[in-house]
Amino acid sequence: MNYYAVGDIHGMLDAFRRILMDIDADKPNEPRKIILLGDYIDRGPDSKGVIDLIMRLQDERGADNVIALMGNHEDMALHDWRMWISNGGQQTIASYGENFDIKNAHKDWMRKLPRYYETAHNIFVHAGIDDQPFIPMDQQSNSFLLWKRFHKGYNPNISKVLVHGHTPGTQVEMLPNRINLDTAAVFGGCLTAAKFGPDSGQPIKFFNTLF
């Protein structure tokens, strides 16, 4: 099984479509799962379109094959209106049109998003984990999974490779036990995805929207 992790999308529908095309063109006969690392909404031009596309992909390919994780922006949209509006929620409102209302189907979908996904060699989350000492994933809190920011160069004390987004940078940050795929697509950077194979926690290929 191959795993394709995609960094923070933030309403950048065209970039998301391009990444999906590249993923689908990569050895299409091999089994795969796409893991989306959260923050589908806010700041970019078409948050509604991004959620529509993810939901359609899950219907067509199965939710077990297109795994969408919860991000802190989805959490804000559900639970903290004022904080959400001041962090890009206005652009999401605009994407739903003049008579704004996040569809009930979209709200229900967001509420059910998992906080992490784990494989033999990787842990996929939106933001981070508590590793001092390491807490089992099913006991990790939202404050870490959705909101944690690592200092640049920090390598967590874990046995698997952590793959996350949340903290935007100009390029992928790669450490022995941590990979940050948020390359600031909504701030003028690119959207990045990484391919992981069945034998190692380190990526074997990258895709981005620069080319």
C-alpha atoms as a PDB file:
ATOM      1  CA  MET A   1       0.000   0.000   0.000  1.00  0.00           C
ATOM      2  CA  ASN A   2       1.203   3.513  -0.859  1.00  0.00           C
ATOM      3  CA  TYR A   3       0.151   6.562   1.133  1.00  0.00           C
ATOM      4  CA  TYR A   4      -0.065  10.080  -0.279  1.00  0.00           C
ATOM      5  CA  ALA A   5      -0.212  12.846   2.331  1.00  0.00           C
ATOM      6  CA  VAL A   6      -1.371  16.332   1.277  1.00  0.00           C
ATOM      7  CA  GLY A   7      -0.579  19.496   3.234  1.00  0.00           C
ATOM      8  CA  ASP A   8      -2.867  22.382   4.179  1.00  0.00           C
ATOM      9  CA  ILE A   9      -5.227  23.296   1.298  1.00  0.00           C
ATOM     10  CA  HIS A  10      -7.018  26.376   2.737  1.00  0.00           C
ATOM     11  CA  GLY A  11      -9.571  26.830  -0.018  1.00  0.00           C
ATOM     12  CA  MET A  12      -7.034  26.550  -2.866  1.00  0.00           C
ATOM     13  CA  LEU A  13      -9.240  24.366  -5.036  1.00  0.00           C
ATOM     14  CA  ASP A  14      -7.237  24.642  -8.276  1.00  0.00           C
ATOM     15  CA  ALA A  15      -4.005  23.675  -6.521  1.00  0.00           C
ATOM     16  CA  PHE A  16      -5.758  20.746  -4.853  1.00  0.00           C
ATOM     17  CA  ARG A  17      -7.048  19.505  -8.205  1.00  0.00           C
ATOM     18  CA  ARG A  18      -3.537  19.677  -9.673  1.00  0.00           C
ATOM     19  CA  ILE A  19      -2.064  17.672  -6.800  1.00  0.00           C
ATOM     20  CA  LEU A  20      -4.795  15.046  -7.142  1.00  0.00           C
ATOM     21  CA  MET A  21      -4.068  14.720 -10.865  1.00  0.00           C
ATOM     22  CA  ASP A  22      -0.372  14.150 -10.122  1.00  0.00           C
ATOM     23  CA  ILE A  23      -1.176  11.578  -7.439  1.00  0.00           C
ATOM     24  CA  ASP A  24      -3.617   9.735  -9.695  1.00  0.00           C
ATOM     25  CA  ALA A  25      -1.035   9.653 -12.508  1.00  0.00           C
ATOM     26  CA  ASP A  26       1.616   8.116 -10.258  1.00  0.00           C
ATOM     27  CA  LYS A  27       1.587   4.344 -10.835  1.00  0.00           C
ATOM     28  CA  PRO A  28      -2.221   4.220 -11.036  1.00  0.00           C
ATOM     29  CA  ASN A  29      -2.407   0.421 -10.827  1.00  0.00           C
ATOM     30  CA  GLU A  30      -0.830   0.285  -7.358  1.00  0.00           C
ATOM     31  CA  PRO A  31      -3.088   0.337  -4.257  1.00  0.00           C
ATOM     32  CA  ARG A  32      -3.121   3.717  -2.508  1.00  0.00           C
ATOM     33  CA  LYS A  33      -4.618   5.831   0.208  1.00  0.00           C
ATOM     34  CA  ILE A  34      -4.759   9.628   0.148  1.00  0.00           C
ATOM     35  CA  ILE A  35      -4.380  11.274   3.559  1.00  0.00           C
ATOM     36  CA  LEU A  36      -5.402  14.925   3.797  1.00  0.00           C
ATOM     37  CA  LEU A  37      -3.800  16.683   6.757  1.00  0.00           C
ATOM     38  CA  GLY A  38      -6.570  19.160   7.603  1.00  0.00           C
ATOM     39  CA  ASP A  39      -7.276  22.894   7.108  1.00  0.00           C
ATOM     40  CA  TYR A  40      -9.426  22.592   4.011  1.00  0.00           C
ATOM     41  CA  ILE A  41     -11.098  25.945   4.615  1.00  0.00           C
ATOM     42  CA  ASP A  42     -10.325  29.651   5.257  1.00  0.00           C
ATOM     43  CA  ARG A  43      -8.183  32.317   3.624  1.00  0.00           C
ATOM     44  CA  GLY A  44      -8.300  30.837   0.107  1.00  0.00           C
ATOM     45  CA  PRO A  45     -10.969  31.522  -2.545  1.00  0.00           C
ATOM     46  CA  ASP A  46     -13.047  28.315  -2.583  1.00  0.00           C
ATOM     47  CA  SER A  47     -13.373  26.513   0.735  1.00  0.00           C
ATOM     48  CA  LYS A  48     -16.819  25.214  -0.195  1.00  0.00           C
ATOM     49  CA  GLY A  49     -15.459  23.757  -3.428  1.00  0.00           C
ATOM     50  CA  VAL A  50     -12.642  21.993  -1.591  1.00  0.00           C
ATOM     51  CA  ILE A  51     -15.041  20.313   0.834  1.00  0.00           C
ATOM     52  CA  ASP A  52     -17.407  19.378  -2.004  1.00  0.00           C
ATOM     53  CA  LEU A  53     -14.512  17.729  -3.847  1.00  0.00           C
ATOM     54  CA  ILE A  54     -13.239  15.818  -0.803  1.00  0.00           C
ATOM     55  CA  MET A  55     -16.723  14.513  -0.021  1.00  0.00           C
ATOM     56  CA  ARG A  56     -17.201  13.440  -3.632  1.00  0.00           C
ATOM     57  CA  LEU A  57     -13.838  11.648  -3.638  1.00  0.00           C
ATOM     58  CA  GLN A  58     -14.800   9.795  -0.467  1.00  0.00           C
ATOM     59  CA  ASP A  59     -18.109   8.760  -2.021  1.00  0.00           C
ATOM     60  CA  GLU A  60     -16.411   7.551  -5.211  1.00  0.00           C
ATOM     61  CA  ARG A  61     -13.303   5.904  -3.752  1.00  0.00           C
ATOM     62  CA  GLY A  62     -14.380   5.125  -0.201  1.00  0.00           C
ATOM     63  CA  ALA A  63     -13.658   7.017   3.002  1.00  0.00           C
ATOM     64  CA  ASP A  64     -11.031   4.373   3.867  1.00  0.00           C
ATOM     65  CA  ASN A  65      -9.063   5.384   0.765  1.00  0.00           C
ATOM     66  CA  VAL A  66      -9.470   9.168   1.059  1.00  0.00           C
ATOM     67  CA  ILE A  67      -8.800   9.964   4.711  1.00  0.00           C
ATOM     68  CA  ALA A  68      -9.510  13.565   5.694  1.00  0.00           C
ATOM     69  CA  LEU A  69      -8.135  14.600   9.080  1.00  0.00           C
ATOM     70  CA  MET A  70      -9.455  17.418  11.260  1.00  0.00           C
ATOM     71  CA  GLY A  71      -7.534  20.697  11.184  1.00  0.00           C
ATOM     72  CA  ASN A  72      -7.649  23.589  13.611  1.00  0.00           C
ATOM     73  CA  HIS A  73      -9.576  25.708  11.085  1.00  0.00           C
ATOM     74  CA  GLU A  74     -12.360  23.143  10.886  1.00  0.00           C
ATOM     75  CA  ASP A  75     -12.343  23.053  14.681  1.00  0.00           C
ATOM     76  CA  MET A  76     -12.637  26.853  14.846  1.00  0.00           C
ATOM     77  CA  ALA A  77     -15.488  26.919  12.323  1.00  0.00           C
ATOM     78  CA  LEU A  78     -17.437  24.496  14.491  1.00  0.00           C
ATOM     79  CA  HIS A  79     -16.669  25.843  17.943  1.00  0.00           C
ATOM     80  CA  ASP A  80     -15.339  29.424  18.016  1.00  0.00           C
ATOM     81  CA  TRP A  81     -17.063  31.846  15.632  1.00  0.00           C
ATOM     82  CA  ARG A  82     -15.110  34.980  16.645  1.00  0.00           C
ATOM     83  CA  MET A  83     -11.725  33.313  16.414  1.00  0.00           C
ATOM     84  CA  TRP A  84     -12.707  31.704  13.116  1.00  0.00           C
ATOM     85  CA  ILE A  85     -13.792  34.993  11.515  1.00  0.00           C
ATOM     86  CA  SER A  86     -10.504  36.642  12.471  1.00  0.00           C
ATOM     87  CA  ASN A  87      -8.499  33.738  10.962  1.00  0.00           C
ATOM     88  CA  GLY A  88      -9.841  33.536   7.422  1.00  0.00           C
ATOM     89  CA  GLY A  89     -13.466  32.647   8.045  1.00  0.00           C
ATOM     90  CA  GLN A  90     -14.651  35.609   5.974  1.00  0.00           C
ATOM     91  CA  GLN A  91     -13.254  34.036   2.812  1.00  0.00           C
ATOM     92  CA  THR A  92     -15.050  30.798   3.641  1.00  0.00           C
ATOM     93  CA  ILE A  93     -18.303  32.695   4.122  1.00  0.00           C
ATOM     94  CA  ALA A  94     -17.820  34.314   0.700  1.00  0.00           C
ATOM     95  CA  SER A  95     -17.358  30.920  -0.945  1.00  0.00           C
ATOM     96  CA  TYR A  96     -20.824  29.856   0.239  1.00  0.00           C
ATOM     97  CA  GLY A  97     -22.491  32.881  -1.360  1.00  0.00           C
ATOM     98  CA  GLU A  98     -24.689  35.755  -0.224  1.00  0.00           C
ATOM     99  CA  ASN A  99     -27.062  33.646   1.864  1.00  0.00           C
ATOM    100  CA  PHE A 100     -24.267  32.208   3.977  1.00  0.00           C
ATOM    101  CA  ASP A 101     -24.807  28.973   5.799  1.00  0.00           C
ATOM    102  CA  ILE A 102     -22.312  26.136   5.916  1.00  0.00           C
ATOM    103  CA  LYS A 103     -24.384  23.238   4.678  1.00  0.00           C
ATOM    104  CA  ASN A 104     -25.561  20.918   7.408  1.00  0.00           C
ATOM    105  CA  ALA A 105     -23.940  18.094   5.446  1.00  0.00           C
ATOM    106  CA  HIS A 106     -20.619  19.944   5.561  1.00  0.00           C
ATOM    107  CA  LYS A 107     -20.918  20.631   9.283  1.00  0.00           C
ATOM    108  CA  ASP A 108     -21.757  17.001   9.984  1.00  0.00           C
ATOM    109  CA  TRP A 109     -18.810  15.917   7.843  1.00  0.00           C
ATOM    110  CA  MET A 110     -16.420  18.217   9.708  1.00  0.00           C
ATOM    111  CA  ARG A 111     -17.630  17.019  13.112  1.00  0.00           C
ATOM    112  CA  LYS A 112     -16.801  13.412  12.202  1.00  0.00           C
ATOM    113  CA  LEU A 113     -13.262  14.036  10.918  1.00  0.00           C
ATOM    114  CA  PRO A 114     -10.649  11.881  12.685  1.00  0.00           C
ATOM    115  CA  ARG A 115      -7.753  13.558  14.497  1.00  0.00           C
ATOM    116  CA  TYR A 116      -5.000  11.186  13.345  1.00  0.00           C
ATOM    117  CA  TYR A 117      -4.186   8.236  11.112  1.00  0.00           C
ATOM    118  CA  GLU A 118      -1.474   5.698  11.905  1.00  0.00           C
ATOM    119  CA  THR A 119       0.374   3.157   9.762  1.00  0.00           C
ATOM    120  CA  ALA A 120       3.209   0.735  10.483  1.00  0.00           C
ATOM    121  CA  HIS A 121       5.804   3.479   9.977  1.00  0.00           C
ATOM    122  CA  ASN A 122       3.995   6.825  10.165  1.00  0.00           C
ATOM    123  CA  ILE A 123       1.691   8.936  12.295  1.00  0.00           C
ATOM    124  CA  PHE A 124      -0.332  11.482  10.299  1.00  0.00           C
ATOM    125  CA  VAL A 125      -1.857  14.455  12.139  1.00  0.00           C
ATOM    126  CA  HIS A 126      -2.716  18.053  11.375  1.00  0.00           C
ATOM    127  CA  ALA A 127      -0.409  19.843  13.818  1.00  0.00           C
ATOM    128  CA  GLY A 128       1.575  17.733  16.285  1.00  0.00           C
ATOM    129  CA  ILE A 129       1.670  15.330  19.200  1.00  0.00           C
ATOM    130  CA  ASP A 130       2.670  15.241  22.854  1.00  0.00           C
ATOM    131  CA  ASP A 131       5.953  13.328  22.934  1.00  0.00           C
ATOM    132  CA  GLN A 132       7.427  14.345  26.327  1.00  0.00           C
ATOM    133  CA  PRO A 133       6.935  11.546  27.105  1.00  0.00           C
ATOM    134  CA  PHE A 134       5.008  10.099  24.190  1.00  0.00           C
ATOM    135  CA  ILE A 135       1.315   9.636  24.914  1.00  0.00           C
ATOM    136  CA  PRO A 136      -0.581   6.898  23.018  1.00  0.00           C
ATOM    137  CA  MET A 137      -2.404   8.359  20.034  1.00  0.00           C
ATOM    138  CA  ASP A 138      -5.870   7.511  21.322  1.00  0.00           C
ATOM    139  CA  GLN A 139      -5.085   9.566  24.448  1.00  0.00           C
ATOM    140  CA  GLN A 140      -3.636  12.641  22.709  1.00  0.00           C
ATOM    141  CA  SER A 141      -5.519  15.907  23.214  1.00  0.00           C
ATOM    142  CA  ASN A 142      -6.854  18.283  20.559  1.00  0.00           C
ATOM    143  CA  SER A 143      -4.522  20.973  21.872  1.00  0.00           C
ATOM    144  CA  PHE A 144      -1.620  18.951  20.455  1.00  0.00           C
ATOM    145  CA  LEU A 145      -3.244  17.205  17.487  1.00  0.00           C
ATOM    146  CA  LEU A 146      -4.867  20.377  16.108  1.00  0.00           C
ATOM    147  CA  TRP A 147      -2.825  23.267  17.512  1.00  0.00           C
ATOM    148  CA  LYS A 148       0.744  22.222  18.392  1.00  0.00           C
ATOM    149  CA  ARG A 149       3.589  24.108  16.699  1.00  0.00           C
ATOM    150  CA  PHE A 150       7.069  22.607  16.709  1.00  0.00           C
ATOM    151  CA  HIS A 151      10.161  24.761  16.756  1.00  0.00           C
ATOM    152  CA  LYS A 152      12.114  24.506  13.524  1.00  0.00           C
ATOM    153  CA  GLY A 153      14.518  21.592  13.704  1.00  0.00           C
ATOM    154  CA  TYR A 154      12.684  19.791  16.505  1.00  0.00           C
ATOM    155  CA  ASN A 155      12.864  16.021  16.175  1.00  0.00           C
ATOM    156  CA  PRO A 156      10.269  14.250  18.365  1.00  0.00           C
ATOM    157  CA  ASN A 157      11.154  11.309  20.560  1.00  0.00           C
ATOM    158  CA  ILE A 158       8.971   8.707  18.861  1.00  0.00           C
ATOM    159  CA  SER A 159       9.456   5.384  17.089  1.00  0.00           C
ATOM    160  CA  LYS A 160       7.554   6.364  13.923  1.00  0.00           C
ATOM    161  CA  VAL A 161       7.846   9.298  11.529  1.00  0.00           C
ATOM    162  CA  LEU A 162       5.326  12.054  12.229  1.00  0.00           C
ATOM    163  CA  VAL A 163       3.795  13.727   9.149  1.00  0.00           C
ATOM    164  CA  HIS A 164       1.910  16.980   9.683  1.00  0.00           C
ATOM    165  CA  GLY A 165       1.030  20.438   8.386  1.00  0.00           C
ATOM    166  CA  HIS A 166      -0.300  23.478  10.295  1.00  0.00           C
ATOM    167  CA  THR A 167       2.955  25.476  10.480  1.00  0.00           C
ATOM    168  CA  PRO A 168       3.599  27.116   7.088  1.00  0.00           C
ATOM    169  CA  GLY A 169       7.104  27.286   5.687  1.00  0.00           C
ATOM    170  CA  THR A 170       8.856  28.016   2.416  1.00  0.00           C
ATOM    171  CA  GLN A 171       9.766  24.365   1.914  1.00  0.00           C
ATOM    172  CA  VAL A 172       9.166  20.899   3.338  1.00  0.00           C
ATOM    173  CA  GLU A 173      10.872  20.413   6.698  1.00  0.00           C
ATOM    174  CA  MET A 174      12.376  16.925   6.902  1.00  0.00           C
ATOM    175  CA  LEU A 175      13.811  15.428  10.065  1.00  0.00           C
ATOM    176  CA  PRO A 176      14.417  11.781  11.032  1.00  0.00           C
ATOM    177  CA  ASN A 177      11.124  11.563  12.957  1.00  0.00           C
ATOM    178  CA  ARG A 178       9.127  14.547  11.644  1.00  0.00           C
ATOM    179  CA  ILE A 179       8.047  15.905   8.248  1.00  0.00           C
ATOM    180  CA  ASN A 180       6.105  19.156   7.834  1.00  0.00           C
ATOM    181  CA  LEU A 181       4.222  19.352   4.529  1.00  0.00           C
ATOM    182  CA  ASP A 182       2.648  22.806   4.967  1.00  0.00           C
ATOM    183  CA  THR A 183       4.399  24.859   2.282  1.00  0.00           C
ATOM    184  CA  ALA A 184       2.094  27.882   2.570  1.00  0.00           C
ATOM    185  CA  ALA A 185      -0.110  27.336  -0.482  1.00  0.00           C
ATOM    186  CA  VAL A 186      -2.527  30.064   0.607  1.00  0.00           C
ATOM    187  CA  PHE A 187       0.302  32.552   1.323  1.00  0.00           C
ATOM    188  CA  GLY A 188       1.849  32.449  -2.146  1.00  0.00           C
ATOM    189  CA  GLY A 189       3.736  29.183  -1.723  1.00  0.00           C
ATOM    190  CA  CYS A 190       2.839  25.819  -3.205  1.00  0.00           C
ATOM    191  CA  LEU A 191       0.637  22.920  -2.200  1.00  0.00           C
ATOM    192  CA  THR A 192       2.757  19.867  -1.415  1.00  0.00           C
ATOM    193  CA  ALA A 193       2.079  16.139  -1.182  1.00  0.00           C
ATOM    194  CA  ALA A 194       4.427  13.307  -0.248  1.00  0.00           C
ATOM    195  CA  LYS A 195       4.311   9.633  -1.146  1.00  0.00           C
ATOM    196  CA  PHE A 196       5.123   7.015   1.472  1.00  0.00           C
ATOM    197  CA  GLY A 197       5.636   3.350   0.681  1.00  0.00           C
ATOM    198  CA  PRO A 198       4.991   0.221   2.781  1.00  0.00           C
ATOM    199  CA  ASP A 199       8.581  -0.292   3.935  1.00  0.00           C
ATOM    200  CA  SER A 200       9.711   3.016   5.453  1.00  0.00           C
ATOM    201  CA  GLY A 201       8.421   6.109   7.212  1.00  0.00           C
ATOM    202  CA  GLN A 202      10.448   8.417   4.974  1.00  0.00           C
ATOM    203  CA  PRO A 203       8.891   9.837   1.783  1.00  0.00           C
ATOM    204  CA  ILE A 204       9.881   8.315  -1.534  1.00  0.00           C
ATOM    205  CA  LYS A 205       8.499  11.087  -3.756  1.00  0.00           C
ATOM    206  CA  PHE A 206       7.140  14.643  -3.550  1.00  0.00           C
ATOM    207  CA  PHE A 207       4.538  16.478  -5.589  1.00  0.00           C
ATOM    208  CA  ASN A 208       3.914  20.218  -5.575  1.00  0.00           C
ATOM    209  CA  THR A 209       2.165  22.895  -7.595  1.00  0.00           C
ATOM    210  CA  LEU A 210       5.308  24.848  -8.516  1.00  0.00           C
ATOM    211  CA  PHE A 211       5.718  22.867 -11.725  1.00  0.00           C
END
